[in-house]
Amino acid sequence: MRTVVIFTGALRTVKKTIRYFKHNVLYNNVDVFLCVQNDTQQSNEEWTTWFTEQIGHHMKSIEWFSLAAHPEWIAHRDTILQNIQLGNEWKGYLRNSGSMIEYFQLQLAHMKVCLYEQTNGFQYDYLVRARTDSIYAKPVDFHWLTWTDAEVAARVQRIKEEMTRSKIEVTEHSLLQYFMATVISDTTIPNMTRIFADYVLNDADRPPIGVMDMPYETALNQYLKQGRYILTIRKNNLYVIRRNLFFMIPSLGTMYGLPRSPAADDYWFNAECQFRSACYYSGISIFDYSSLFEEKSLEYAGKWCEADFFDLEFNLINPTMLYCIVRK
C-alpha cells in the first residue's frame, strides 16, 4: 500500500511538530508533498534544506506559497468573492483570513501529487493531510485495514462497554460514531468522556447500520476497507481518506464558496463548512474526532497552555490524546 501526505500551512511551530510527524506518519511507503508559507526571517532555500534533512527520501515536492509568487491567486480570490452572496464584512474576512489560502495551498500540492502519479503511472492508495502546526499524536499506520472480523467484533464489544461506563447511549448510530472516531488508536477508547465524536452520514455511502444479510462485524469490516468515508480530526484540521475519493476537497482552492450542502448552516462559507460541503458532493461520510483540551483552547482564544499537552522537553503527557495543535 502506498500513501501520500499533503503537508501545508505557514511554518509557525513546525520545528516542534516535525518530530511527531516523522514518528507517527512517515512509514515505508509514504511520500510527502509540501506547499508551505514562510513566515520567518530565514530564506526559503534554508528551509528547503531543513525539510530535506528532516523528511529525507519521503519528500517528493516542496512549493513555497506567497502572494508575491502567486499573483494569480489574488485575482482569482477577488473573482470568487464577487460571485459569493455575502455581505462586505464577511467578504473582507475571507479576503484577509487564511480560510481560502488554506485550500489554495492544498490544491497546489494536490496538483503536484496528480502530476507525480501520472508521470509514474500509478495512483496512491490513501491520502493523509497534515499541517505544520498540528500533530498526529498516534501512529497513522492503517492497522485498521488489517483487522479480521473477530478483531472488529472484539473492538465493538469493548466500545460498547466503554460507552456504557461513560453513560453514552448505545445505538446503531452512536456505536458506529465512536467506533470510527477512535479507529486510529486503541488508547482513545478510554478517553470517551474527554472527546467529541461527530459524524455526518452521506446518502451515497453505505455505513453498516441496519445490516440484515451478514453479521455486523463482517459488514463493519467491509466498510472499513471499502466505505466512502473520511476520518477527520477537528473537522478539517487533519484527515485520512482513500486517494480515489480525494478530488472535490482540493478543488476548493479555486471553487471556494460554490459548494453549499443542503445541511449547511448560516456560516456555510467558513473553511470547516466548505470542507463538509465538498465531502457531501463527493458522496463521502465524515467521522470526526476532537479532544476536550483542544476545544477549550479554541473556545478561550489566547489561553492555549502547552503544559496541558507536553512536558518541558515537549513529550506528550496525555497518553489517550490523538492529536494536538501546537500554538507556540
C-alpha atoms as a PDB file:
ATOM      1  CA  MET A   1       0.000   0.000   0.000  1.00  0.00           C
ATOM      2  CA  ARG A   2       1.275   3.463  -0.924  1.00  0.00           C
ATOM      3  CA  THR A   3       0.295   6.587   0.985  1.00  0.00           C
ATOM      4  CA  VAL A   4       0.689  10.236   0.080  1.00  0.00           C
ATOM      5  CA  VAL A   5       0.840  13.034   2.637  1.00  0.00           C
ATOM      6  CA  ILE A   6      -0.120  16.593   1.745  1.00  0.00           C
ATOM      7  CA  PHE A   7       1.638  18.913   4.192  1.00  0.00           C
ATOM      8  CA  THR A   8       0.540  22.566   4.192  1.00  0.00           C
ATOM      9  CA  GLY A   9       0.467  25.795   6.168  1.00  0.00           C
ATOM     10  CA  ALA A  10       2.576  28.691   7.379  1.00  0.00           C
ATOM     11  CA  LEU A  11       5.728  27.384   9.071  1.00  0.00           C
ATOM     12  CA  ARG A  12       4.652  28.511  12.546  1.00  0.00           C
ATOM     13  CA  THR A  13       5.653  25.786  15.020  1.00  0.00           C
ATOM     14  CA  VAL A  14       6.929  23.221  12.510  1.00  0.00           C
ATOM     15  CA  LYS A  15      10.284  22.805  14.264  1.00  0.00           C
ATOM     16  CA  LYS A  16       8.369  21.437  17.251  1.00  0.00           C
ATOM     17  CA  THR A  17       5.815  19.368  15.387  1.00  0.00           C
ATOM     18  CA  ILE A  18       8.194  17.707  12.921  1.00  0.00           C
ATOM     19  CA  ARG A  19       9.366  15.060  15.424  1.00  0.00           C
ATOM     20  CA  TYR A  20       5.808  13.723  15.788  1.00  0.00           C
ATOM     21  CA  PHE A  21       5.230  13.932  12.044  1.00  0.00           C
ATOM     22  CA  LYS A  22       8.308  11.789  11.427  1.00  0.00           C
ATOM     23  CA  HIS A  23       7.456   9.315  14.182  1.00  0.00           C
ATOM     24  CA  ASN A  24       3.730   8.865  13.543  1.00  0.00           C
ATOM     25  CA  VAL A  25       3.253   9.483   9.817  1.00  0.00           C
ATOM     26  CA  LEU A  26       6.441   8.671   7.895  1.00  0.00           C
ATOM     27  CA  TYR A  27       6.304   4.930   7.286  1.00  0.00           C
ATOM     28  CA  ASN A  28       7.963   2.926   4.496  1.00  0.00           C
ATOM     29  CA  ASN A  29       5.694   3.635   1.529  1.00  0.00           C
ATOM     30  CA  VAL A  30       4.839   7.250   2.390  1.00  0.00           C
ATOM     31  CA  ASP A  31       5.565  10.175   0.060  1.00  0.00           C
ATOM     32  CA  VAL A  32       5.234  13.807   1.134  1.00  0.00           C
ATOM     33  CA  PHE A  33       4.198  16.797  -0.976  1.00  0.00           C
ATOM     34  CA  LEU A  34       4.506  20.187   0.695  1.00  0.00           C
ATOM     35  CA  CYS A  35       3.027  23.587  -0.008  1.00  0.00           C
ATOM     36  CA  VAL A  36       4.146  25.876   2.792  1.00  0.00           C
ATOM     37  CA  GLN A  37       4.316  29.564   3.558  1.00  0.00           C
ATOM     38  CA  ASN A  38       7.401  31.192   5.031  1.00  0.00           C
ATOM     39  CA  ASP A  39       6.502  33.421   7.979  1.00  0.00           C
ATOM     40  CA  THR A  40      10.065  33.543   9.390  1.00  0.00           C
ATOM     41  CA  GLN A  41      13.269  35.519   8.785  1.00  0.00           C
ATOM     42  CA  GLN A  42      15.029  32.510   7.237  1.00  0.00           C
ATOM     43  CA  SER A  43      15.089  32.139   3.461  1.00  0.00           C
ATOM     44  CA  ASN A  44      13.063  29.588   1.509  1.00  0.00           C
ATOM     45  CA  GLU A  45      16.327  27.965   0.468  1.00  0.00           C
ATOM     46  CA  GLU A  46      17.406  27.463   4.088  1.00  0.00           C
ATOM     47  CA  TRP A  47      14.027  25.989   4.935  1.00  0.00           C
ATOM     48  CA  THR A  48      14.074  23.706   1.885  1.00  0.00           C
ATOM     49  CA  THR A  49      17.389  22.315   3.099  1.00  0.00           C
ATOM     50  CA  TRP A  50      15.934  21.814   6.572  1.00  0.00           C
ATOM     51  CA  PHE A  51      12.846  19.986   5.261  1.00  0.00           C
ATOM     52  CA  THR A  52      15.041  17.803   3.056  1.00  0.00           C
ATOM     53  CA  GLU A  53      17.143  16.852   6.068  1.00  0.00           C
ATOM     54  CA  GLN A  54      14.090  16.127   8.209  1.00  0.00           C
ATOM     55  CA  ILE A  55      11.869  14.290   5.718  1.00  0.00           C
ATOM     56  CA  GLY A  56      14.576  12.746   3.554  1.00  0.00           C
ATOM     57  CA  HIS A  57      13.626  10.494   0.631  1.00  0.00           C
ATOM     58  CA  HIS A  58       9.931  10.735   1.569  1.00  0.00           C
ATOM     59  CA  MET A  59       9.799  14.315   0.247  1.00  0.00           C
ATOM     60  CA  LYS A  60       8.777  14.376  -3.421  1.00  0.00           C
ATOM     61  CA  SER A  61       7.893  18.045  -3.847  1.00  0.00           C
ATOM     62  CA  ILE A  62       8.010  21.346  -1.974  1.00  0.00           C
ATOM     63  CA  GLU A  63       6.358  24.551  -3.155  1.00  0.00           C
ATOM     64  CA  TRP A  64       6.579  27.894  -1.402  1.00  0.00           C
ATOM     65  CA  PHE A  65       3.340  29.853  -1.344  1.00  0.00           C
ATOM     66  CA  SER A  66       3.357  33.639  -1.113  1.00  0.00           C
ATOM     67  CA  LEU A  67       1.200  36.381  -2.542  1.00  0.00           C
ATOM     68  CA  ALA A  68       4.207  37.659  -4.496  1.00  0.00           C
ATOM     69  CA  ALA A  69       4.882  34.242  -6.019  1.00  0.00           C
ATOM     70  CA  HIS A  70       1.211  33.602  -6.824  1.00  0.00           C
ATOM     71  CA  PRO A  71      -0.328  36.871  -8.114  1.00  0.00           C
ATOM     72  CA  GLU A  72      -2.893  34.776  -9.992  1.00  0.00           C
ATOM     73  CA  TRP A  73      -4.317  33.763  -6.619  1.00  0.00           C
ATOM     74  CA  ILE A  74      -5.157  37.377  -5.712  1.00  0.00           C
ATOM     75  CA  ALA A  75      -7.063  37.929  -8.956  1.00  0.00           C
ATOM     76  CA  HIS A  76      -8.917  34.642  -8.664  1.00  0.00           C
ATOM     77  CA  ARG A  77      -9.723  35.240  -4.974  1.00  0.00           C
ATOM     78  CA  ASP A  78     -11.394  38.525  -5.880  1.00  0.00           C
ATOM     79  CA  THR A  79     -13.332  36.818  -8.697  1.00  0.00           C
ATOM     80  CA  ILE A  80     -14.573  34.204  -6.224  1.00  0.00           C
ATOM     81  CA  LEU A  81     -15.665  36.871  -3.743  1.00  0.00           C
ATOM     82  CA  GLN A  82     -17.573  38.742  -6.448  1.00  0.00           C
ATOM     83  CA  ASN A  83     -19.625  35.609  -7.009  1.00  0.00           C
ATOM     84  CA  ILE A  84     -20.428  34.748  -3.398  1.00  0.00           C
ATOM     85  CA  GLN A  85     -23.668  36.074  -1.940  1.00  0.00           C
ATOM     86  CA  LEU A  86     -22.221  37.557   1.246  1.00  0.00           C
ATOM     87  CA  GLY A  87     -22.098  40.925   2.930  1.00  0.00           C
ATOM     88  CA  ASN A  88     -18.978  43.053   2.552  1.00  0.00           C
ATOM     89  CA  GLU A  89     -17.957  42.385   6.162  1.00  0.00           C
ATOM     90  CA  TRP A  90     -17.766  38.622   5.631  1.00  0.00           C
ATOM     91  CA  LYS A  91     -16.138  39.067   2.236  1.00  0.00           C
ATOM     92  CA  GLY A  92     -13.486  41.170   3.931  1.00  0.00           C
ATOM     93  CA  TYR A  93     -12.983  38.430   6.496  1.00  0.00           C
ATOM     94  CA  LEU A  94     -12.443  35.809   3.777  1.00  0.00           C
ATOM     95  CA  ARG A  95     -10.150  38.135   1.838  1.00  0.00           C
ATOM     96  CA  ASN A  96      -7.847  38.662   4.822  1.00  0.00           C
ATOM     97  CA  SER A  97      -8.057  35.368   6.711  1.00  0.00           C
ATOM     98  CA  GLY A  98      -6.326  32.102   5.895  1.00  0.00           C
ATOM     99  CA  SER A  99      -9.518  30.198   5.058  1.00  0.00           C
ATOM    100  CA  MET A 100      -9.279  30.478   1.288  1.00  0.00           C
ATOM    101  CA  ILE A 101      -5.467  30.373   1.167  1.00  0.00           C
ATOM    102  CA  GLU A 102      -5.532  27.086   3.089  1.00  0.00           C
ATOM    103  CA  TYR A 103      -7.349  25.383   0.231  1.00  0.00           C
ATOM    104  CA  PHE A 104      -5.302  27.064  -2.479  1.00  0.00           C
ATOM    105  CA  GLN A 105      -2.171  25.627  -0.874  1.00  0.00           C
ATOM    106  CA  LEU A 106      -3.898  22.256  -0.709  1.00  0.00           C
ATOM    107  CA  GLN A 107      -4.776  22.484  -4.395  1.00  0.00           C
ATOM    108  CA  LEU A 108      -1.219  23.412  -5.379  1.00  0.00           C
ATOM    109  CA  ALA A 109       0.155  20.395  -3.507  1.00  0.00           C
ATOM    110  CA  HIS A 110      -2.563  18.139  -4.917  1.00  0.00           C
ATOM    111  CA  MET A 111      -1.668  19.163  -8.465  1.00  0.00           C
ATOM    112  CA  LYS A 112       1.907  18.039  -7.786  1.00  0.00           C
ATOM    113  CA  VAL A 113       0.547  14.725  -6.492  1.00  0.00           C
ATOM    114  CA  CYS A 114      -1.516  14.251  -9.662  1.00  0.00           C
ATOM    115  CA  LEU A 115       1.480  15.071 -11.866  1.00  0.00           C
ATOM    116  CA  TYR A 116       3.672  12.599  -9.972  1.00  0.00           C
ATOM    117  CA  GLU A 117       1.050   9.854 -10.270  1.00  0.00           C
ATOM    118  CA  GLN A 118       0.505  10.463 -13.967  1.00  0.00           C
ATOM    119  CA  THR A 119       4.231  10.637 -14.696  1.00  0.00           C
ATOM    120  CA  ASN A 120       4.913   7.382 -12.859  1.00  0.00           C
ATOM    121  CA  GLY A 121       1.779   5.510 -13.946  1.00  0.00           C
ATOM    122  CA  PHE A 122       0.138   4.690 -10.623  1.00  0.00           C
ATOM    123  CA  GLN A 123      -2.259   6.101  -8.030  1.00  0.00           C
ATOM    124  CA  TYR A 124      -1.722   6.233  -4.275  1.00  0.00           C
ATOM    125  CA  ASP A 125      -4.000   4.101  -2.109  1.00  0.00           C
ATOM    126  CA  TYR A 126      -4.533   6.545   0.769  1.00  0.00           C
ATOM    127  CA  LEU A 127      -4.017  10.236   1.412  1.00  0.00           C
ATOM    128  CA  VAL A 128      -3.192  11.929   4.714  1.00  0.00           C
ATOM    129  CA  ARG A 129      -3.480  15.652   5.267  1.00  0.00           C
ATOM    130  CA  ALA A 130      -1.106  17.163   7.841  1.00  0.00           C
ATOM    131  CA  ARG A 131      -0.412  20.708   8.993  1.00  0.00           C
ATOM    132  CA  THR A 132       2.724  22.483  10.092  1.00  0.00           C
ATOM    133  CA  ASP A 133       1.199  23.480  13.440  1.00  0.00           C
ATOM    134  CA  SER A 134      -0.550  20.198  14.302  1.00  0.00           C
ATOM    135  CA  ILE A 135       0.479  16.685  15.219  1.00  0.00           C
ATOM    136  CA  TYR A 136      -0.896  13.204  14.958  1.00  0.00           C
ATOM    137  CA  ALA A 137      -0.169  12.027  18.481  1.00  0.00           C
ATOM    138  CA  LYS A 138      -0.701   8.372  17.481  1.00  0.00           C
ATOM    139  CA  PRO A 139       0.678   6.377  14.537  1.00  0.00           C
ATOM    140  CA  VAL A 140      -1.244   6.681  11.283  1.00  0.00           C
ATOM    141  CA  ASP A 141      -0.233   3.182  10.154  1.00  0.00           C
ATOM    142  CA  PHE A 142      -3.580   1.952   8.751  1.00  0.00           C
ATOM    143  CA  HIS A 143      -3.615  -1.053  11.075  1.00  0.00           C
ATOM    144  CA  TRP A 144      -7.432  -0.994  10.947  1.00  0.00           C
ATOM    145  CA  LEU A 145      -7.285  -2.197   7.340  1.00  0.00           C
ATOM    146  CA  THR A 146      -5.743  -5.486   8.517  1.00  0.00           C
ATOM    147  CA  TRP A 147      -8.336  -6.337  11.180  1.00  0.00           C
ATOM    148  CA  THR A 148     -10.175  -9.641  10.960  1.00  0.00           C
ATOM    149  CA  ASP A 149     -13.908  -9.922  11.599  1.00  0.00           C
ATOM    150  CA  ALA A 150     -13.119 -11.373  15.028  1.00  0.00           C
ATOM    151  CA  GLU A 151     -10.902  -8.386  15.892  1.00  0.00           C
ATOM    152  CA  VAL A 152     -13.617  -5.982  14.754  1.00  0.00           C
ATOM    153  CA  ALA A 153     -16.191  -7.843  16.880  1.00  0.00           C
ATOM    154  CA  ALA A 154     -13.913  -7.644  19.940  1.00  0.00           C
ATOM    155  CA  ARG A 155     -13.390  -3.921  19.416  1.00  0.00           C
ATOM    156  CA  VAL A 156     -17.128  -3.317  19.008  1.00  0.00           C
ATOM    157  CA  GLN A 157     -17.731  -5.060  22.316  1.00  0.00           C
ATOM    158  CA  ARG A 158     -15.027  -3.029  24.020  1.00  0.00           C
ATOM    159  CA  ILE A 159     -16.503   0.219  22.719  1.00  0.00           C
ATOM    160  CA  LYS A 160     -19.999  -0.791  23.868  1.00  0.00           C
ATOM    161  CA  GLU A 161     -18.651  -1.436  27.362  1.00  0.00           C
ATOM    162  CA  GLU A 162     -16.805   1.867  27.471  1.00  0.00           C
ATOM    163  CA  MET A 163     -19.847   3.771  26.197  1.00  0.00           C
ATOM    164  CA  THR A 164     -21.962   2.182  28.930  1.00  0.00           C
ATOM    165  CA  ARG A 165     -19.398   3.123  31.599  1.00  0.00           C
ATOM    166  CA  SER A 166     -19.306   6.654  30.193  1.00  0.00           C
ATOM    167  CA  LYS A 167     -23.115   6.866  30.252  1.00  0.00           C
ATOM    168  CA  ILE A 168     -23.318   7.283  26.479  1.00  0.00           C
ATOM    169  CA  GLU A 169     -26.427   5.717  24.981  1.00  0.00           C
ATOM    170  CA  VAL A 170     -25.556   2.757  22.765  1.00  0.00           C
ATOM    171  CA  THR A 171     -27.481   2.846  19.488  1.00  0.00           C
ATOM    172  CA  GLU A 172     -26.593   1.712  15.987  1.00  0.00           C
ATOM    173  CA  HIS A 173     -25.629   5.261  15.096  1.00  0.00           C
ATOM    174  CA  SER A 174     -23.695   6.111  18.259  1.00  0.00           C
ATOM    175  CA  LEU A 175     -21.816   2.818  18.165  1.00  0.00           C
ATOM    176  CA  LEU A 176     -20.683   3.476  14.596  1.00  0.00           C
ATOM    177  CA  GLN A 177     -19.867   7.063  15.554  1.00  0.00           C
ATOM    178  CA  TYR A 178     -17.491   6.088  18.388  1.00  0.00           C
ATOM    179  CA  PHE A 179     -16.070   3.074  16.560  1.00  0.00           C
ATOM    180  CA  MET A 180     -14.991   5.177  13.591  1.00  0.00           C
ATOM    181  CA  ALA A 181     -13.886   8.204  15.620  1.00  0.00           C
ATOM    182  CA  THR A 182     -11.460   6.052  17.628  1.00  0.00           C
ATOM    183  CA  VAL A 183     -10.298   3.748  14.837  1.00  0.00           C
ATOM    184  CA  ILE A 184      -6.797   5.242  14.628  1.00  0.00           C
ATOM    185  CA  SER A 185      -5.820   4.279  18.180  1.00  0.00           C
ATOM    186  CA  ASP A 186      -6.922   1.890  20.934  1.00  0.00           C
ATOM    187  CA  THR A 187      -5.830   4.404  23.571  1.00  0.00           C
ATOM    188  CA  THR A 188      -8.581   6.809  22.589  1.00  0.00           C
ATOM    189  CA  ILE A 189     -11.305   4.396  23.701  1.00  0.00           C
ATOM    190  CA  PRO A 190     -10.850   5.003  27.468  1.00  0.00           C
ATOM    191  CA  ASN A 191     -10.923   8.718  26.639  1.00  0.00           C
ATOM    192  CA  MET A 192     -14.581   8.789  25.593  1.00  0.00           C
ATOM    193  CA  THR A 193     -15.664  11.262  28.245  1.00  0.00           C
ATOM    194  CA  ARG A 194     -12.999  13.695  27.037  1.00  0.00           C
ATOM    195  CA  ILE A 195     -13.564  13.561  23.302  1.00  0.00           C
ATOM    196  CA  PHE A 196     -16.224  14.824  20.941  1.00  0.00           C
ATOM    197  CA  ALA A 197     -17.127  12.219  18.332  1.00  0.00           C
ATOM    198  CA  ASP A 198     -19.144  13.585  15.449  1.00  0.00           C
ATOM    199  CA  TYR A 199     -20.350  12.151  12.177  1.00  0.00           C
ATOM    200  CA  VAL A 200     -22.173  13.140   9.003  1.00  0.00           C
ATOM    201  CA  LEU A 201     -23.521  10.189   7.034  1.00  0.00           C
ATOM    202  CA  ASN A 202     -23.862  10.580   3.286  1.00  0.00           C
ATOM    203  CA  ASP A 203     -26.667   9.006   1.265  1.00  0.00           C
ATOM    204  CA  ALA A 204     -24.148   7.892  -1.370  1.00  0.00           C
ATOM    205  CA  ASP A 205     -22.245   5.930   1.275  1.00  0.00           C
ATOM    206  CA  ARG A 206     -23.487   2.707   2.862  1.00  0.00           C
ATOM    207  CA  PRO A 207     -22.398   2.506   6.506  1.00  0.00           C
ATOM    208  CA  PRO A 208     -23.256  -0.767   8.286  1.00  0.00           C
ATOM    209  CA  ILE A 209     -26.456   0.356  10.015  1.00  0.00           C
ATOM    210  CA  GLY A 210     -29.402  -1.995   9.996  1.00  0.00           C
ATOM    211  CA  VAL A 211     -27.484  -4.739   8.183  1.00  0.00           C
ATOM    212  CA  MET A 212     -29.681  -7.762   7.644  1.00  0.00           C
ATOM    213  CA  ASP A 213     -27.787 -10.096   5.311  1.00  0.00           C
ATOM    214  CA  MET A 214     -24.458 -10.533   7.152  1.00  0.00           C
ATOM    215  CA  PRO A 215     -23.013 -10.363  10.686  1.00  0.00           C
ATOM    216  CA  TYR A 216     -22.469  -6.820  11.907  1.00  0.00           C
ATOM    217  CA  GLU A 217     -18.712  -7.279  12.375  1.00  0.00           C
ATOM    218  CA  THR A 218     -18.377  -8.522   8.779  1.00  0.00           C
ATOM    219  CA  ALA A 219     -20.311  -5.560   7.407  1.00  0.00           C
ATOM    220  CA  LEU A 220     -18.308  -3.145   9.536  1.00  0.00           C
ATOM    221  CA  ASN A 221     -15.011  -4.707   8.463  1.00  0.00           C
ATOM    222  CA  GLN A 222     -16.026  -4.428   4.815  1.00  0.00           C
ATOM    223  CA  TYR A 223     -16.958  -0.810   5.417  1.00  0.00           C
ATOM    224  CA  LEU A 224     -13.552  -0.064   6.931  1.00  0.00           C
ATOM    225  CA  LYS A 225     -11.878  -1.317   3.775  1.00  0.00           C
ATOM    226  CA  GLN A 226     -14.346  -0.183   1.096  1.00  0.00           C
ATOM    227  CA  GLY A 227     -16.596   2.557   2.519  1.00  0.00           C
ATOM    228  CA  ARG A 228     -16.747   6.090   1.159  1.00  0.00           C
ATOM    229  CA  TYR A 229     -15.661   7.847   4.343  1.00  0.00           C
ATOM    230  CA  ILE A 230     -13.087  10.260   5.664  1.00  0.00           C
ATOM    231  CA  LEU A 231     -11.578  10.205   9.162  1.00  0.00           C
ATOM    232  CA  THR A 232     -11.191  13.803  10.309  1.00  0.00           C
ATOM    233  CA  ILE A 233      -9.654  15.456  13.341  1.00  0.00           C
ATOM    234  CA  ARG A 234     -11.255  18.711  14.444  1.00  0.00           C
ATOM    235  CA  LYS A 235     -13.392  18.901  11.308  1.00  0.00           C
ATOM    236  CA  ASN A 236     -10.803  19.830   8.676  1.00  0.00           C
ATOM    237  CA  ASN A 237      -7.529  20.061  10.569  1.00  0.00           C
ATOM    238  CA  LEU A 238      -6.061  16.618   9.910  1.00  0.00           C
ATOM    239  CA  TYR A 239      -7.636  13.786   7.955  1.00  0.00           C
ATOM    240  CA  VAL A 240      -7.225  10.382   6.322  1.00  0.00           C
ATOM    241  CA  ILE A 241      -9.063   9.292   3.171  1.00  0.00           C
ATOM    242  CA  ARG A 242      -8.848   6.834   0.297  1.00  0.00           C
ATOM    243  CA  ARG A 243      -6.949   8.522  -2.508  1.00  0.00           C
ATOM    244  CA  ASN A 244      -9.594   7.935  -5.175  1.00  0.00           C
ATOM    245  CA  LEU A 245     -12.156   9.886  -3.117  1.00  0.00           C
ATOM    246  CA  PHE A 246      -9.970  12.989  -2.814  1.00  0.00           C
ATOM    247  CA  PHE A 247     -10.712  15.318  -5.711  1.00  0.00           C
ATOM    248  CA  MET A 248     -13.541  17.657  -4.682  1.00  0.00           C
ATOM    249  CA  ILE A 249     -11.846  18.820  -1.453  1.00  0.00           C
ATOM    250  CA  PRO A 250      -8.660  20.248  -3.032  1.00  0.00           C
ATOM    251  CA  SER A 251     -10.741  21.884  -5.768  1.00  0.00           C
ATOM    252  CA  LEU A 252     -11.902  24.316  -3.072  1.00  0.00           C
ATOM    253  CA  GLY A 253      -8.649  26.124  -3.831  1.00  0.00           C
ATOM    254  CA  THR A 254     -10.348  27.690  -6.843  1.00  0.00           C
ATOM    255  CA  MET A 255     -14.010  26.843  -6.164  1.00  0.00           C
ATOM    256  CA  TYR A 256     -14.270  28.164  -2.615  1.00  0.00           C
ATOM    257  CA  GLY A 257     -17.779  29.330  -1.796  1.00  0.00           C
ATOM    258  CA  LEU A 258     -19.502  27.365  -4.556  1.00  0.00           C
ATOM    259  CA  PRO A 259     -20.281  24.123  -2.646  1.00  0.00           C
ATOM    260  CA  ARG A 260     -23.174  24.600  -0.215  1.00  0.00           C
ATOM    261  CA  SER A 261     -24.766  21.413   1.024  1.00  0.00           C
ATOM    262  CA  PRO A 262     -28.463  21.284   1.992  1.00  0.00           C
ATOM    263  CA  ALA A 263     -27.418  20.799   5.622  1.00  0.00           C
ATOM    264  CA  ALA A 264     -25.097  23.844   5.714  1.00  0.00           C
ATOM    265  CA  ASP A 265     -25.734  26.433   8.428  1.00  0.00           C
ATOM    266  CA  ASP A 266     -25.529  30.232   8.339  1.00  0.00           C
ATOM    267  CA  TYR A 267     -21.729  30.009   8.294  1.00  0.00           C
ATOM    268  CA  TRP A 268     -21.635  27.837   5.179  1.00  0.00           C
ATOM    269  CA  PHE A 269     -18.781  29.971   3.808  1.00  0.00           C
ATOM    270  CA  ASN A 270     -16.211  29.236   6.526  1.00  0.00           C
ATOM    271  CA  ALA A 271     -13.380  26.746   5.991  1.00  0.00           C
ATOM    272  CA  GLU A 272     -14.941  23.951   8.041  1.00  0.00           C
ATOM    273  CA  CYS A 273     -18.360  24.179   6.365  1.00  0.00           C
ATOM    274  CA  GLN A 274     -16.843  24.390   2.898  1.00  0.00           C
ATOM    275  CA  PHE A 275     -14.907  21.224   3.683  1.00  0.00           C
ATOM    276  CA  ARG A 276     -18.065  19.431   4.767  1.00  0.00           C
ATOM    277  CA  SER A 277     -19.969  20.616   1.705  1.00  0.00           C
ATOM    278  CA  ALA A 278     -17.178  19.278  -0.516  1.00  0.00           C
ATOM    279  CA  CYS A 279     -17.497  15.923   1.263  1.00  0.00           C
ATOM    280  CA  TYR A 280     -21.266  15.992   0.744  1.00  0.00           C
ATOM    281  CA  TYR A 281     -20.941  16.483  -3.007  1.00  0.00           C
ATOM    282  CA  SER A 282     -18.241  13.781  -3.099  1.00  0.00           C
ATOM    283  CA  GLY A 283     -20.632  11.263  -1.543  1.00  0.00           C
ATOM    284  CA  ILE A 284     -18.363  10.863   1.496  1.00  0.00           C
ATOM    285  CA  SER A 285     -19.397  10.216   5.099  1.00  0.00           C
ATOM    286  CA  ILE A 286     -17.440  12.121   7.744  1.00  0.00           C
ATOM    287  CA  PHE A 287     -16.310  10.684  11.093  1.00  0.00           C
ATOM    288  CA  ASP A 288     -14.721  13.328  13.283  1.00  0.00           C
ATOM    289  CA  TYR A 289     -12.661  13.264  16.479  1.00  0.00           C
ATOM    290  CA  SER A 290     -11.760  16.232  18.638  1.00  0.00           C
ATOM    291  CA  SER A 291     -10.476  16.476  22.195  1.00  0.00           C
ATOM    292  CA  LEU A 292     -11.763  18.372  25.202  1.00  0.00           C
ATOM    293  CA  PHE A 293      -8.460  20.197  25.716  1.00  0.00           C
ATOM    294  CA  GLU A 294      -8.373  21.407  22.116  1.00  0.00           C
ATOM    295  CA  GLU A 295     -11.988  22.528  22.173  1.00  0.00           C
ATOM    296  CA  LYS A 296     -11.290  24.564  25.298  1.00  0.00           C
ATOM    297  CA  SER A 297      -8.245  26.143  23.700  1.00  0.00           C
ATOM    298  CA  LEU A 298     -10.390  27.227  20.748  1.00  0.00           C
ATOM    299  CA  GLU A 299     -13.235  28.485  22.911  1.00  0.00           C
ATOM    300  CA  TYR A 300     -10.989  30.645  25.050  1.00  0.00           C
ATOM    301  CA  ALA A 301      -8.787  32.319  22.468  1.00  0.00           C
ATOM    302  CA  GLY A 302      -5.251  33.009  23.601  1.00  0.00           C
ATOM    303  CA  LYS A 303      -5.427  30.621  26.586  1.00  0.00           C
ATOM    304  CA  TRP A 304      -3.796  27.611  24.970  1.00  0.00           C
ATOM    305  CA  CYS A 305      -1.430  26.119  27.522  1.00  0.00           C
ATOM    306  CA  GLU A 306       1.390  23.890  26.337  1.00  0.00           C
ATOM    307  CA  ALA A 307       1.626  22.292  29.786  1.00  0.00           C
ATOM    308  CA  ASP A 308      -1.800  20.710  29.204  1.00  0.00           C
ATOM    309  CA  PHE A 309      -0.233  18.586  26.469  1.00  0.00           C
ATOM    310  CA  PHE A 310       3.557  18.424  26.839  1.00  0.00           C
ATOM    311  CA  ASP A 311       6.270  18.346  29.487  1.00  0.00           C
ATOM    312  CA  LEU A 312       9.264  20.685  29.438  1.00  0.00           C
ATOM    313  CA  GLU A 313      11.041  18.519  26.863  1.00  0.00           C
ATOM    314  CA  PHE A 314       7.966  18.531  24.620  1.00  0.00           C
ATOM    315  CA  ASN A 315       7.000  14.923  25.303  1.00  0.00           C
ATOM    316  CA  LEU A 316       3.271  14.134  25.314  1.00  0.00           C
ATOM    317  CA  ILE A 317       1.812  13.803  28.791  1.00  0.00           C
ATOM    318  CA  ASN A 318      -1.700  12.676  27.811  1.00  0.00           C
ATOM    319  CA  PRO A 319      -1.438   9.067  26.547  1.00  0.00           C
ATOM    320  CA  THR A 320      -5.008   8.993  25.248  1.00  0.00           C
ATOM    321  CA  MET A 321      -4.666  12.090  23.071  1.00  0.00           C
ATOM    322  CA  LEU A 322      -4.980  11.572  19.310  1.00  0.00           C
ATOM    323  CA  TYR A 323      -3.855  14.979  18.090  1.00  0.00           C
ATOM    324  CA  CYS A 324      -2.801  18.440  19.151  1.00  0.00           C
ATOM    325  CA  ILE A 325      -2.486  21.911  17.691  1.00  0.00           C
ATOM    326  CA  VAL A 326       0.855  23.439  18.728  1.00  0.00           C
ATOM    327  CA  ARG A 327       0.461  27.163  19.067  1.00  0.00           C
ATOM    328  CA  LYS A 328       3.814  28.347  20.462  1.00  0.00           C
END
